[in-house]
């Protein structure tokens, strides 16, 4: 659906409900292009409509508080993990024979989770679940890929596996926050309070002191001191982004991590 289509629907809804365009003060969206496109997006068309009535009236555009925290992946900078996991899932799920054989292998090992689902880049909750499922099935995946002659060198790379474990734990934490934000009956100030809890800052300080109480997956791989310092910096940057998503500086993140790469 294009920005034009969306505007037609919004305009019709405004007419049906008897709402006046000159009373509109702001719009909140999830940030997708057909809403926010600067030339033909819904928001541009809504601003144009308001300007026709009052040339001085400027709408305030906000990003949905829930969808802001689905975008944390851009701060986490774990594409090298997500790309490999996506490749693994695609290899297993894309061909029916591979999928059946993998499920059979998992059932043979009496694995608690014998299958995995696709993830979509937009849905952070789906991604988190897939990362966790692939982690739980990593032994079976490694055996299956070896039997099929599919080389996934990252599964034997200690550094990559540590990053993978860290990504599993962080996605679980962010999914917990997103699930709470999607609960019914919350007022905006209550949602704001959930967002502003300084959990990432707390976890960052814990990693600095080699405490993995709340990072159970990472605990499985016994990360090095260098890993922990890097992950602590990432969580610190994630905390800054959560607290101030609009003013977050990529330069501060880059500078804080360069010494560990």
C-alpha atoms as a PDB file:
ATOM      1  CA  UNK A   1       0.000   0.000   0.000  1.00  0.00           C
ATOM      2  CA  UNK A   2       1.452   3.358  -1.055  1.00  0.00           C
ATOM      3  CA  UNK A   3       1.519   6.637   0.809  1.00  0.00           C
ATOM      4  CA  UNK A   4      -1.276   7.835  -1.466  1.00  0.00           C
ATOM      5  CA  UNK A   5      -3.434   4.813  -0.595  1.00  0.00           C
ATOM      6  CA  UNK A   6      -2.824   5.317   3.106  1.00  0.00           C
ATOM      7  CA  UNK A   7      -3.683   9.009   2.902  1.00  0.00           C
ATOM      8  CA  UNK A   8      -6.960   8.218   1.143  1.00  0.00           C
ATOM      9  CA  UNK A   9      -7.882   5.843   3.964  1.00  0.00           C
ATOM     10  CA  UNK A  10      -6.853   8.308   6.687  1.00  0.00           C
ATOM     11  CA  UNK A  11      -8.772  11.130   5.010  1.00  0.00           C
ATOM     12  CA  UNK A  12     -11.879   8.962   4.745  1.00  0.00           C
ATOM     13  CA  UNK A  13     -11.549   7.973   8.402  1.00  0.00           C
ATOM     14  CA  UNK A  14     -11.219  11.627   9.447  1.00  0.00           C
ATOM     15  CA  UNK A  15     -14.417  12.457   7.523  1.00  0.00           C
ATOM     16  CA  UNK A  16     -16.297   9.487   8.986  1.00  0.00           C
ATOM     17  CA  UNK A  17     -15.351  10.419  12.554  1.00  0.00           C
ATOM     18  CA  UNK A  18     -15.954  14.113  12.004  1.00  0.00           C
ATOM     19  CA  UNK A  19     -12.363  15.048  12.884  1.00  0.00           C
ATOM     20  CA  UNK A  20     -10.938  18.363  11.703  1.00  0.00           C
ATOM     21  CA  UNK A  21      -7.546  18.563  10.026  1.00  0.00           C
ATOM     22  CA  UNK A  22      -6.786  21.902  11.637  1.00  0.00           C
ATOM     23  CA  UNK A  23      -7.042  20.242  15.064  1.00  0.00           C
ATOM     24  CA  UNK A  24      -4.343  17.661  14.251  1.00  0.00           C
ATOM     25  CA  UNK A  25      -1.145  18.315  16.198  1.00  0.00           C
ATOM     26  CA  UNK A  26       1.018  15.234  15.646  1.00  0.00           C
ATOM     27  CA  UNK A  27       1.307  11.737  14.187  1.00  0.00           C
ATOM     28  CA  UNK A  28       3.072   8.651  15.544  1.00  0.00           C
ATOM     29  CA  UNK A  29       4.241   5.882  13.164  1.00  0.00           C
ATOM     30  CA  UNK A  30       6.437   2.794  13.106  1.00  0.00           C
ATOM     31  CA  UNK A  31       8.832   4.489  10.662  1.00  0.00           C
ATOM     32  CA  UNK A  32       8.203   2.408   7.522  1.00  0.00           C
ATOM     33  CA  UNK A  33       9.003   4.164   4.192  1.00  0.00           C
ATOM     34  CA  UNK A  34       5.446   4.411   2.835  1.00  0.00           C
ATOM     35  CA  UNK A  35       4.608   6.410   5.964  1.00  0.00           C
ATOM     36  CA  UNK A  36       7.716   8.559   6.305  1.00  0.00           C
ATOM     37  CA  UNK A  37       8.856   9.081   2.683  1.00  0.00           C
ATOM     38  CA  UNK A  38       9.833  12.743   2.384  1.00  0.00           C
ATOM     39  CA  UNK A  39       8.142  13.281  -0.993  1.00  0.00           C
ATOM     40  CA  UNK A  40       5.159  10.922  -1.253  1.00  0.00           C
ATOM     41  CA  UNK A  41       4.858   9.283   2.181  1.00  0.00           C
ATOM     42  CA  UNK A  42       1.720   9.507   4.302  1.00  0.00           C
ATOM     43  CA  UNK A  43       3.240  12.050   6.682  1.00  0.00           C
ATOM     44  CA  UNK A  44       4.214  14.375   3.822  1.00  0.00           C
ATOM     45  CA  UNK A  45       0.678  14.205   2.446  1.00  0.00           C
ATOM     46  CA  UNK A  46      -0.828  14.858   5.881  1.00  0.00           C
ATOM     47  CA  UNK A  47       1.420  17.886   6.350  1.00  0.00           C
ATOM     48  CA  UNK A  48       0.399  19.161   2.911  1.00  0.00           C
ATOM     49  CA  UNK A  49      -3.268  18.773   3.843  1.00  0.00           C
ATOM     50  CA  UNK A  50      -2.798  20.729   7.073  1.00  0.00           C
ATOM     51  CA  UNK A  51      -0.772  23.416   5.267  1.00  0.00           C
ATOM     52  CA  UNK A  52      -3.657  23.970   2.836  1.00  0.00           C
ATOM     53  CA  UNK A  53      -5.780  25.004   5.813  1.00  0.00           C
ATOM     54  CA  UNK A  54      -3.126  26.829   7.843  1.00  0.00           C
ATOM     55  CA  UNK A  55       0.240  27.582   6.224  1.00  0.00           C
ATOM     56  CA  UNK A  56       1.877  28.118   9.625  1.00  0.00           C
ATOM     57  CA  UNK A  57       0.778  24.850  11.226  1.00  0.00           C
ATOM     58  CA  UNK A  58       3.530  22.232  11.517  1.00  0.00           C
ATOM     59  CA  UNK A  59       2.728  18.692  12.562  1.00  0.00           C
ATOM     60  CA  UNK A  60       4.925  16.889  15.077  1.00  0.00           C
ATOM     61  CA  UNK A  61       6.021  13.455  13.855  1.00  0.00           C
ATOM     62  CA  UNK A  62       7.043  10.853  16.439  1.00  0.00           C
ATOM     63  CA  UNK A  63       8.381   7.302  16.265  1.00  0.00           C
ATOM     64  CA  UNK A  64       6.255   4.732  18.103  1.00  0.00           C
ATOM     65  CA  UNK A  65       7.782   3.921  21.500  1.00  0.00           C
ATOM     66  CA  UNK A  66       7.391   0.184  20.855  1.00  0.00           C
ATOM     67  CA  UNK A  67       8.869   0.181  17.361  1.00  0.00           C
ATOM     68  CA  UNK A  68      11.831   2.293  18.477  1.00  0.00           C
ATOM     69  CA  UNK A  69      13.002  -0.629  20.542  1.00  0.00           C
ATOM     70  CA  UNK A  70      12.711  -3.095  17.691  1.00  0.00           C
ATOM     71  CA  UNK A  71      15.424  -1.033  15.971  1.00  0.00           C
ATOM     72  CA  UNK A  72      18.026  -1.824  18.651  1.00  0.00           C
ATOM     73  CA  UNK A  73      19.675  -4.276  16.222  1.00  0.00           C
ATOM     74  CA  UNK A  74      21.237  -1.330  14.399  1.00  0.00           C
ATOM     75  CA  UNK A  75      23.047  -0.403  17.611  1.00  0.00           C
ATOM     76  CA  UNK A  76      23.997  -3.957  18.554  1.00  0.00           C
ATOM     77  CA  UNK A  77      26.030  -4.351  15.346  1.00  0.00           C
ATOM     78  CA  UNK A  78      25.720  -8.150  15.198  1.00  0.00           C
ATOM     79  CA  UNK A  79      25.090  -8.548  11.471  1.00  0.00           C
ATOM     80  CA  UNK A  80      28.012 -10.994  11.212  1.00  0.00           C
ATOM     81  CA  UNK A  81      26.087 -13.284  13.585  1.00  0.00           C
ATOM     82  CA  UNK A  82      22.618 -12.723  12.140  1.00  0.00           C
ATOM     83  CA  UNK A  83      23.841 -13.257   8.553  1.00  0.00           C
ATOM     84  CA  UNK A  84      25.368 -16.657   9.371  1.00  0.00           C
ATOM     85  CA  UNK A  85      22.341 -17.784  11.381  1.00  0.00           C
ATOM     86  CA  UNK A  86      20.084 -16.735   8.505  1.00  0.00           C
ATOM     87  CA  UNK A  87      22.279 -18.729   6.094  1.00  0.00           C
ATOM     88  CA  UNK A  88      22.015 -21.796   8.334  1.00  0.00           C
ATOM     89  CA  UNK A  89      18.235 -21.554   8.659  1.00  0.00           C
ATOM     90  CA  UNK A  90      17.829 -20.985   4.919  1.00  0.00           C
ATOM     91  CA  UNK A  91      20.001 -24.005   4.112  1.00  0.00           C
ATOM     92  CA  UNK A  92      17.893 -26.234   6.341  1.00  0.00           C
ATOM     93  CA  UNK A  93      14.446 -24.816   5.610  1.00  0.00           C
ATOM     94  CA  UNK A  94      14.631 -23.810   1.940  1.00  0.00           C
ATOM     95  CA  UNK A  95      14.736 -27.386   0.605  1.00  0.00           C
ATOM     96  CA  UNK A  96      12.072 -29.822   1.784  1.00  0.00           C
ATOM     97  CA  UNK A  97      14.493 -32.774   1.838  1.00  0.00           C
ATOM     98  CA  UNK A  98      17.034 -30.958   4.003  1.00  0.00           C
ATOM     99  CA  UNK A  99      14.275 -29.876   6.355  1.00  0.00           C
ATOM    100  CA  UNK A 100      12.857 -33.377   6.757  1.00  0.00           C
ATOM    101  CA  UNK A 101      16.305 -34.867   7.287  1.00  0.00           C
ATOM    102  CA  UNK A 102      17.211 -32.264   9.896  1.00  0.00           C
ATOM    103  CA  UNK A 103      13.974 -32.792  11.834  1.00  0.00           C
ATOM    104  CA  UNK A 104      14.571 -36.546  11.721  1.00  0.00           C
ATOM    105  CA  UNK A 105      18.123 -36.100  13.031  1.00  0.00           C
ATOM    106  CA  UNK A 106      16.931 -33.858  15.872  1.00  0.00           C
ATOM    107  CA  UNK A 107      14.212 -36.319  16.846  1.00  0.00           C
ATOM    108  CA  UNK A 108      16.766 -39.123  16.743  1.00  0.00           C
ATOM    109  CA  UNK A 109      18.803 -37.180  19.315  1.00  0.00           C
ATOM    110  CA  UNK A 110      15.602 -36.561  21.312  1.00  0.00           C
ATOM    111  CA  UNK A 111      16.262 -32.832  21.124  1.00  0.00           C
ATOM    112  CA  UNK A 112      13.776 -30.644  22.986  1.00  0.00           C
ATOM    113  CA  UNK A 113      13.361 -28.404  19.916  1.00  0.00           C
ATOM    114  CA  UNK A 114      13.437 -30.404  16.708  1.00  0.00           C
ATOM    115  CA  UNK A 115      12.703 -27.608  14.264  1.00  0.00           C
ATOM    116  CA  UNK A 116      13.299 -23.901  13.640  1.00  0.00           C
ATOM    117  CA  UNK A 117      11.403 -21.120  11.918  1.00  0.00           C
ATOM    118  CA  UNK A 118      12.374 -18.340   9.556  1.00  0.00           C
ATOM    119  CA  UNK A 119      12.984 -14.859  10.884  1.00  0.00           C
ATOM    120  CA  UNK A 120      12.092 -11.584   9.229  1.00  0.00           C
ATOM    121  CA  UNK A 121      14.380  -8.590   9.566  1.00  0.00           C
ATOM    122  CA  UNK A 122      11.550  -6.325  10.679  1.00  0.00           C
ATOM    123  CA  UNK A 123      10.263  -8.472  13.501  1.00  0.00           C
ATOM    124  CA  UNK A 124      12.765  -8.362  16.328  1.00  0.00           C
ATOM    125  CA  UNK A 125      10.784 -10.855  18.398  1.00  0.00           C
ATOM    126  CA  UNK A 126      10.973 -13.426  15.607  1.00  0.00           C
ATOM    127  CA  UNK A 127      14.715 -12.885  15.223  1.00  0.00           C
ATOM    128  CA  UNK A 128      15.313 -13.413  18.932  1.00  0.00           C
ATOM    129  CA  UNK A 129      13.394 -16.679  18.926  1.00  0.00           C
ATOM    130  CA  UNK A 130      15.280 -17.972  15.893  1.00  0.00           C
ATOM    131  CA  UNK A 131      18.673 -17.089  17.409  1.00  0.00           C
ATOM    132  CA  UNK A 132      17.736 -18.972  20.584  1.00  0.00           C
ATOM    133  CA  UNK A 133      16.449 -21.989  18.664  1.00  0.00           C
ATOM    134  CA  UNK A 134      19.581 -22.207  16.499  1.00  0.00           C
ATOM    135  CA  UNK A 135      21.736 -21.925  19.628  1.00  0.00           C
ATOM    136  CA  UNK A 136      19.816 -24.767  21.296  1.00  0.00           C
ATOM    137  CA  UNK A 137      20.234 -26.903  18.166  1.00  0.00           C
ATOM    138  CA  UNK A 138      23.841 -25.978  17.415  1.00  0.00           C
ATOM    139  CA  UNK A 139      25.229 -29.491  18.010  1.00  0.00           C
ATOM    140  CA  UNK A 140      22.628 -31.052  15.720  1.00  0.00           C
ATOM    141  CA  UNK A 141      23.159 -28.313  13.126  1.00  0.00           C
ATOM    142  CA  UNK A 142      26.928 -28.867  13.163  1.00  0.00           C
ATOM    143  CA  UNK A 143      26.464 -32.633  12.696  1.00  0.00           C
ATOM    144  CA  UNK A 144      23.859 -32.165   9.956  1.00  0.00           C
ATOM    145  CA  UNK A 145      26.005 -29.679   8.004  1.00  0.00           C
ATOM    146  CA  UNK A 146      28.986 -32.019   8.192  1.00  0.00           C
ATOM    147  CA  UNK A 147      26.906 -34.893   6.812  1.00  0.00           C
ATOM    148  CA  UNK A 148      25.620 -32.702   3.971  1.00  0.00           C
ATOM    149  CA  UNK A 149      29.084 -31.326   3.159  1.00  0.00           C
ATOM    150  CA  UNK A 150      28.009 -27.788   4.053  1.00  0.00           C
ATOM    151  CA  UNK A 151      30.904 -25.852   5.568  1.00  0.00           C
ATOM    152  CA  UNK A 152      29.900 -23.407   8.332  1.00  0.00           C
ATOM    153  CA  UNK A 153      33.324 -22.483   9.793  1.00  0.00           C
ATOM    154  CA  UNK A 154      31.778 -20.010  12.248  1.00  0.00           C
ATOM    155  CA  UNK A 155      30.302 -22.886  14.258  1.00  0.00           C
ATOM    156  CA  UNK A 156      33.876 -23.876  15.200  1.00  0.00           C
ATOM    157  CA  UNK A 157      35.118 -20.321  15.735  1.00  0.00           C
ATOM    158  CA  UNK A 158      35.331 -19.454  19.438  1.00  0.00           C
ATOM    159  CA  UNK A 159      35.130 -15.697  18.858  1.00  0.00           C
ATOM    160  CA  UNK A 160      32.070 -16.011  16.640  1.00  0.00           C
ATOM    161  CA  UNK A 161      30.371 -18.413  19.038  1.00  0.00           C
ATOM    162  CA  UNK A 162      30.942 -15.942  21.883  1.00  0.00           C
ATOM    163  CA  UNK A 163      29.338 -13.193  19.794  1.00  0.00           C
ATOM    164  CA  UNK A 164      26.488 -15.559  18.960  1.00  0.00           C
ATOM    165  CA  UNK A 165      25.908 -16.331  22.647  1.00  0.00           C
ATOM    166  CA  UNK A 166      25.969 -12.623  23.492  1.00  0.00           C
ATOM    167  CA  UNK A 167      23.442 -11.904  20.716  1.00  0.00           C
ATOM    168  CA  UNK A 168      21.111 -14.622  22.059  1.00  0.00           C
ATOM    169  CA  UNK A 169      21.139 -13.103  25.543  1.00  0.00           C
ATOM    170  CA  UNK A 170      20.689  -9.507  24.393  1.00  0.00           C
ATOM    171  CA  UNK A 171      17.832 -10.368  22.010  1.00  0.00           C
ATOM    172  CA  UNK A 172      16.109 -12.195  24.871  1.00  0.00           C
ATOM    173  CA  UNK A 173      16.418  -9.089  27.068  1.00  0.00           C
ATOM    174  CA  UNK A 174      15.126  -6.770  24.350  1.00  0.00           C
ATOM    175  CA  UNK A 175      12.301  -9.178  23.502  1.00  0.00           C
ATOM    176  CA  UNK A 176      11.286  -9.134  27.156  1.00  0.00           C
ATOM    177  CA  UNK A 177      11.051  -5.340  26.994  1.00  0.00           C
ATOM    178  CA  UNK A 178       9.122  -5.373  23.718  1.00  0.00           C
ATOM    179  CA  UNK A 179       6.672  -7.970  25.045  1.00  0.00           C
ATOM    180  CA  UNK A 180       5.974  -5.798  28.090  1.00  0.00           C
ATOM    181  CA  UNK A 181       5.459  -2.736  25.898  1.00  0.00           C
ATOM    182  CA  UNK A 182       2.888  -4.630  23.821  1.00  0.00           C
ATOM    183  CA  UNK A 183       0.817  -5.531  26.882  1.00  0.00           C
ATOM    184  CA  UNK A 184      -2.716  -4.190  27.182  1.00  0.00           C
ATOM    185  CA  UNK A 185      -3.827  -1.434  29.513  1.00  0.00           C
ATOM    186  CA  UNK A 186      -0.579   0.552  29.676  1.00  0.00           C
ATOM    187  CA  UNK A 187      -0.590   4.332  29.796  1.00  0.00           C
ATOM    188  CA  UNK A 188       2.188   6.182  27.983  1.00  0.00           C
ATOM    189  CA  UNK A 189       3.940   7.166  31.223  1.00  0.00           C
ATOM    190  CA  UNK A 190       4.003   3.495  32.279  1.00  0.00           C
ATOM    191  CA  UNK A 191       5.530   2.454  28.958  1.00  0.00           C
ATOM    192  CA  UNK A 192       8.054   5.261  29.300  1.00  0.00           C
ATOM    193  CA  UNK A 193       9.032   3.952  32.743  1.00  0.00           C
ATOM    194  CA  UNK A 194       9.638   0.474  31.312  1.00  0.00           C
ATOM    195  CA  UNK A 195      11.875   1.913  28.611  1.00  0.00           C
ATOM    196  CA  UNK A 196      13.919   4.036  31.008  1.00  0.00           C
ATOM    197  CA  UNK A 197      14.841   1.206  33.379  1.00  0.00           C
ATOM    198  CA  UNK A 198      18.649   1.144  33.401  1.00  0.00           C
ATOM    199  CA  UNK A 199      18.996  -2.605  32.908  1.00  0.00           C
ATOM    200  CA  UNK A 200      21.540  -2.394  30.089  1.00  0.00           C
ATOM    201  CA  UNK A 201      23.726  -0.081  32.147  1.00  0.00           C
ATOM    202  CA  UNK A 202      23.523  -2.537  35.041  1.00  0.00           C
ATOM    203  CA  UNK A 203      24.448  -5.481  32.804  1.00  0.00           C
ATOM    204  CA  UNK A 204      27.307  -3.497  31.289  1.00  0.00           C
ATOM    205  CA  UNK A 205      28.814  -2.967  34.739  1.00  0.00           C
ATOM    206  CA  UNK A 206      28.316  -6.650  35.560  1.00  0.00           C
ATOM    207  CA  UNK A 207      30.241  -7.753  32.472  1.00  0.00           C
ATOM    208  CA  UNK A 208      33.082  -5.398  33.420  1.00  0.00           C
ATOM    209  CA  UNK A 209      33.383  -7.314  36.683  1.00  0.00           C
ATOM    210  CA  UNK A 210      33.128 -10.711  34.936  1.00  0.00           C
ATOM    211  CA  UNK A 211      29.666 -11.399  36.381  1.00  0.00           C
ATOM    212  CA  UNK A 212      27.427 -13.402  34.010  1.00  0.00           C
ATOM    213  CA  UNK A 213      24.457 -14.040  36.292  1.00  0.00           C
ATOM    214  CA  UNK A 214      21.996 -12.526  33.818  1.00  0.00           C
ATOM    215  CA  UNK A 215      23.791 -13.723  30.661  1.00  0.00           C
ATOM    216  CA  UNK A 216      23.275 -17.463  30.877  1.00  0.00           C
ATOM    217  CA  UNK A 217      23.971 -18.254  27.213  1.00  0.00           C
ATOM    218  CA  UNK A 218      27.195 -16.258  27.228  1.00  0.00           C
ATOM    219  CA  UNK A 219      28.175 -18.115  30.392  1.00  0.00           C
ATOM    220  CA  UNK A 220      28.180 -21.379  28.412  1.00  0.00           C
ATOM    221  CA  UNK A 221      31.120 -20.321  26.227  1.00  0.00           C
ATOM    222  CA  UNK A 222      33.414 -18.868  28.932  1.00  0.00           C
ATOM    223  CA  UNK A 223      34.180 -15.571  27.142  1.00  0.00           C
ATOM    224  CA  UNK A 224      37.601 -13.959  27.404  1.00  0.00           C
ATOM    225  CA  UNK A 225      38.293 -10.681  29.209  1.00  0.00           C
ATOM    226  CA  UNK A 226      38.523  -8.931  25.817  1.00  0.00           C
ATOM    227  CA  UNK A 227      35.100 -10.269  24.872  1.00  0.00           C
ATOM    228  CA  UNK A 228      33.584  -9.041  28.121  1.00  0.00           C
ATOM    229  CA  UNK A 229      35.049  -5.566  27.723  1.00  0.00           C
ATOM    230  CA  UNK A 230      33.705  -5.331  24.187  1.00  0.00           C
ATOM    231  CA  UNK A 231      30.253  -6.602  25.192  1.00  0.00           C
ATOM    232  CA  UNK A 232      30.216  -4.202  28.140  1.00  0.00           C
ATOM    233  CA  UNK A 233      30.884  -1.314  25.735  1.00  0.00           C
ATOM    234  CA  UNK A 234      28.126  -2.487  23.398  1.00  0.00           C
ATOM    235  CA  UNK A 235      25.624  -2.694  26.267  1.00  0.00           C
ATOM    236  CA  UNK A 236      26.721   0.757  27.393  1.00  0.00           C
ATOM    237  CA  UNK A 237      26.055   2.116  23.901  1.00  0.00           C
ATOM    238  CA  UNK A 238      22.719   0.282  23.810  1.00  0.00           C
ATOM    239  CA  UNK A 239      21.795   1.901  27.132  1.00  0.00           C
ATOM    240  CA  UNK A 240      22.589   5.357  25.712  1.00  0.00           C
ATOM    241  CA  UNK A 241      20.491   4.615  22.637  1.00  0.00           C
ATOM    242  CA  UNK A 242      17.526   3.379  24.723  1.00  0.00           C
ATOM    243  CA  UNK A 243      17.651   6.473  26.928  1.00  0.00           C
ATOM    244  CA  UNK A 244      18.208   8.938  24.042  1.00  0.00           C
ATOM    245  CA  UNK A 245      17.312   7.235  20.705  1.00  0.00           C
ATOM    246  CA  UNK A 246      17.053  10.477  18.762  1.00  0.00           C
ATOM    247  CA  UNK A 247      20.362  12.033  19.900  1.00  0.00           C
ATOM    248  CA  UNK A 248      22.429   8.824  19.875  1.00  0.00           C
ATOM    249  CA  UNK A 249      25.841   9.384  18.267  1.00  0.00           C
ATOM    250  CA  UNK A 250      27.388   6.667  16.108  1.00  0.00           C
ATOM    251  CA  UNK A 251      30.784   8.327  16.638  1.00  0.00           C
ATOM    252  CA  UNK A 252      30.648   7.670  20.372  1.00  0.00           C
ATOM    253  CA  UNK A 253      29.873   4.011  19.739  1.00  0.00           C
ATOM    254  CA  UNK A 254      32.660   3.650  17.177  1.00  0.00           C
ATOM    255  CA  UNK A 255      35.242   5.297  19.429  1.00  0.00           C
ATOM    256  CA  UNK A 256      34.279   3.198  22.415  1.00  0.00           C
ATOM    257  CA  UNK A 257      34.660  -0.049  20.478  1.00  0.00           C
ATOM    258  CA  UNK A 258      37.679   0.587  18.269  1.00  0.00           C
ATOM    259  CA  UNK A 259      40.174  -0.429  20.954  1.00  0.00           C
ATOM    260  CA  UNK A 260      38.646  -3.902  21.170  1.00  0.00           C
ATOM    261  CA  UNK A 261      38.483  -4.817  17.468  1.00  0.00           C
END
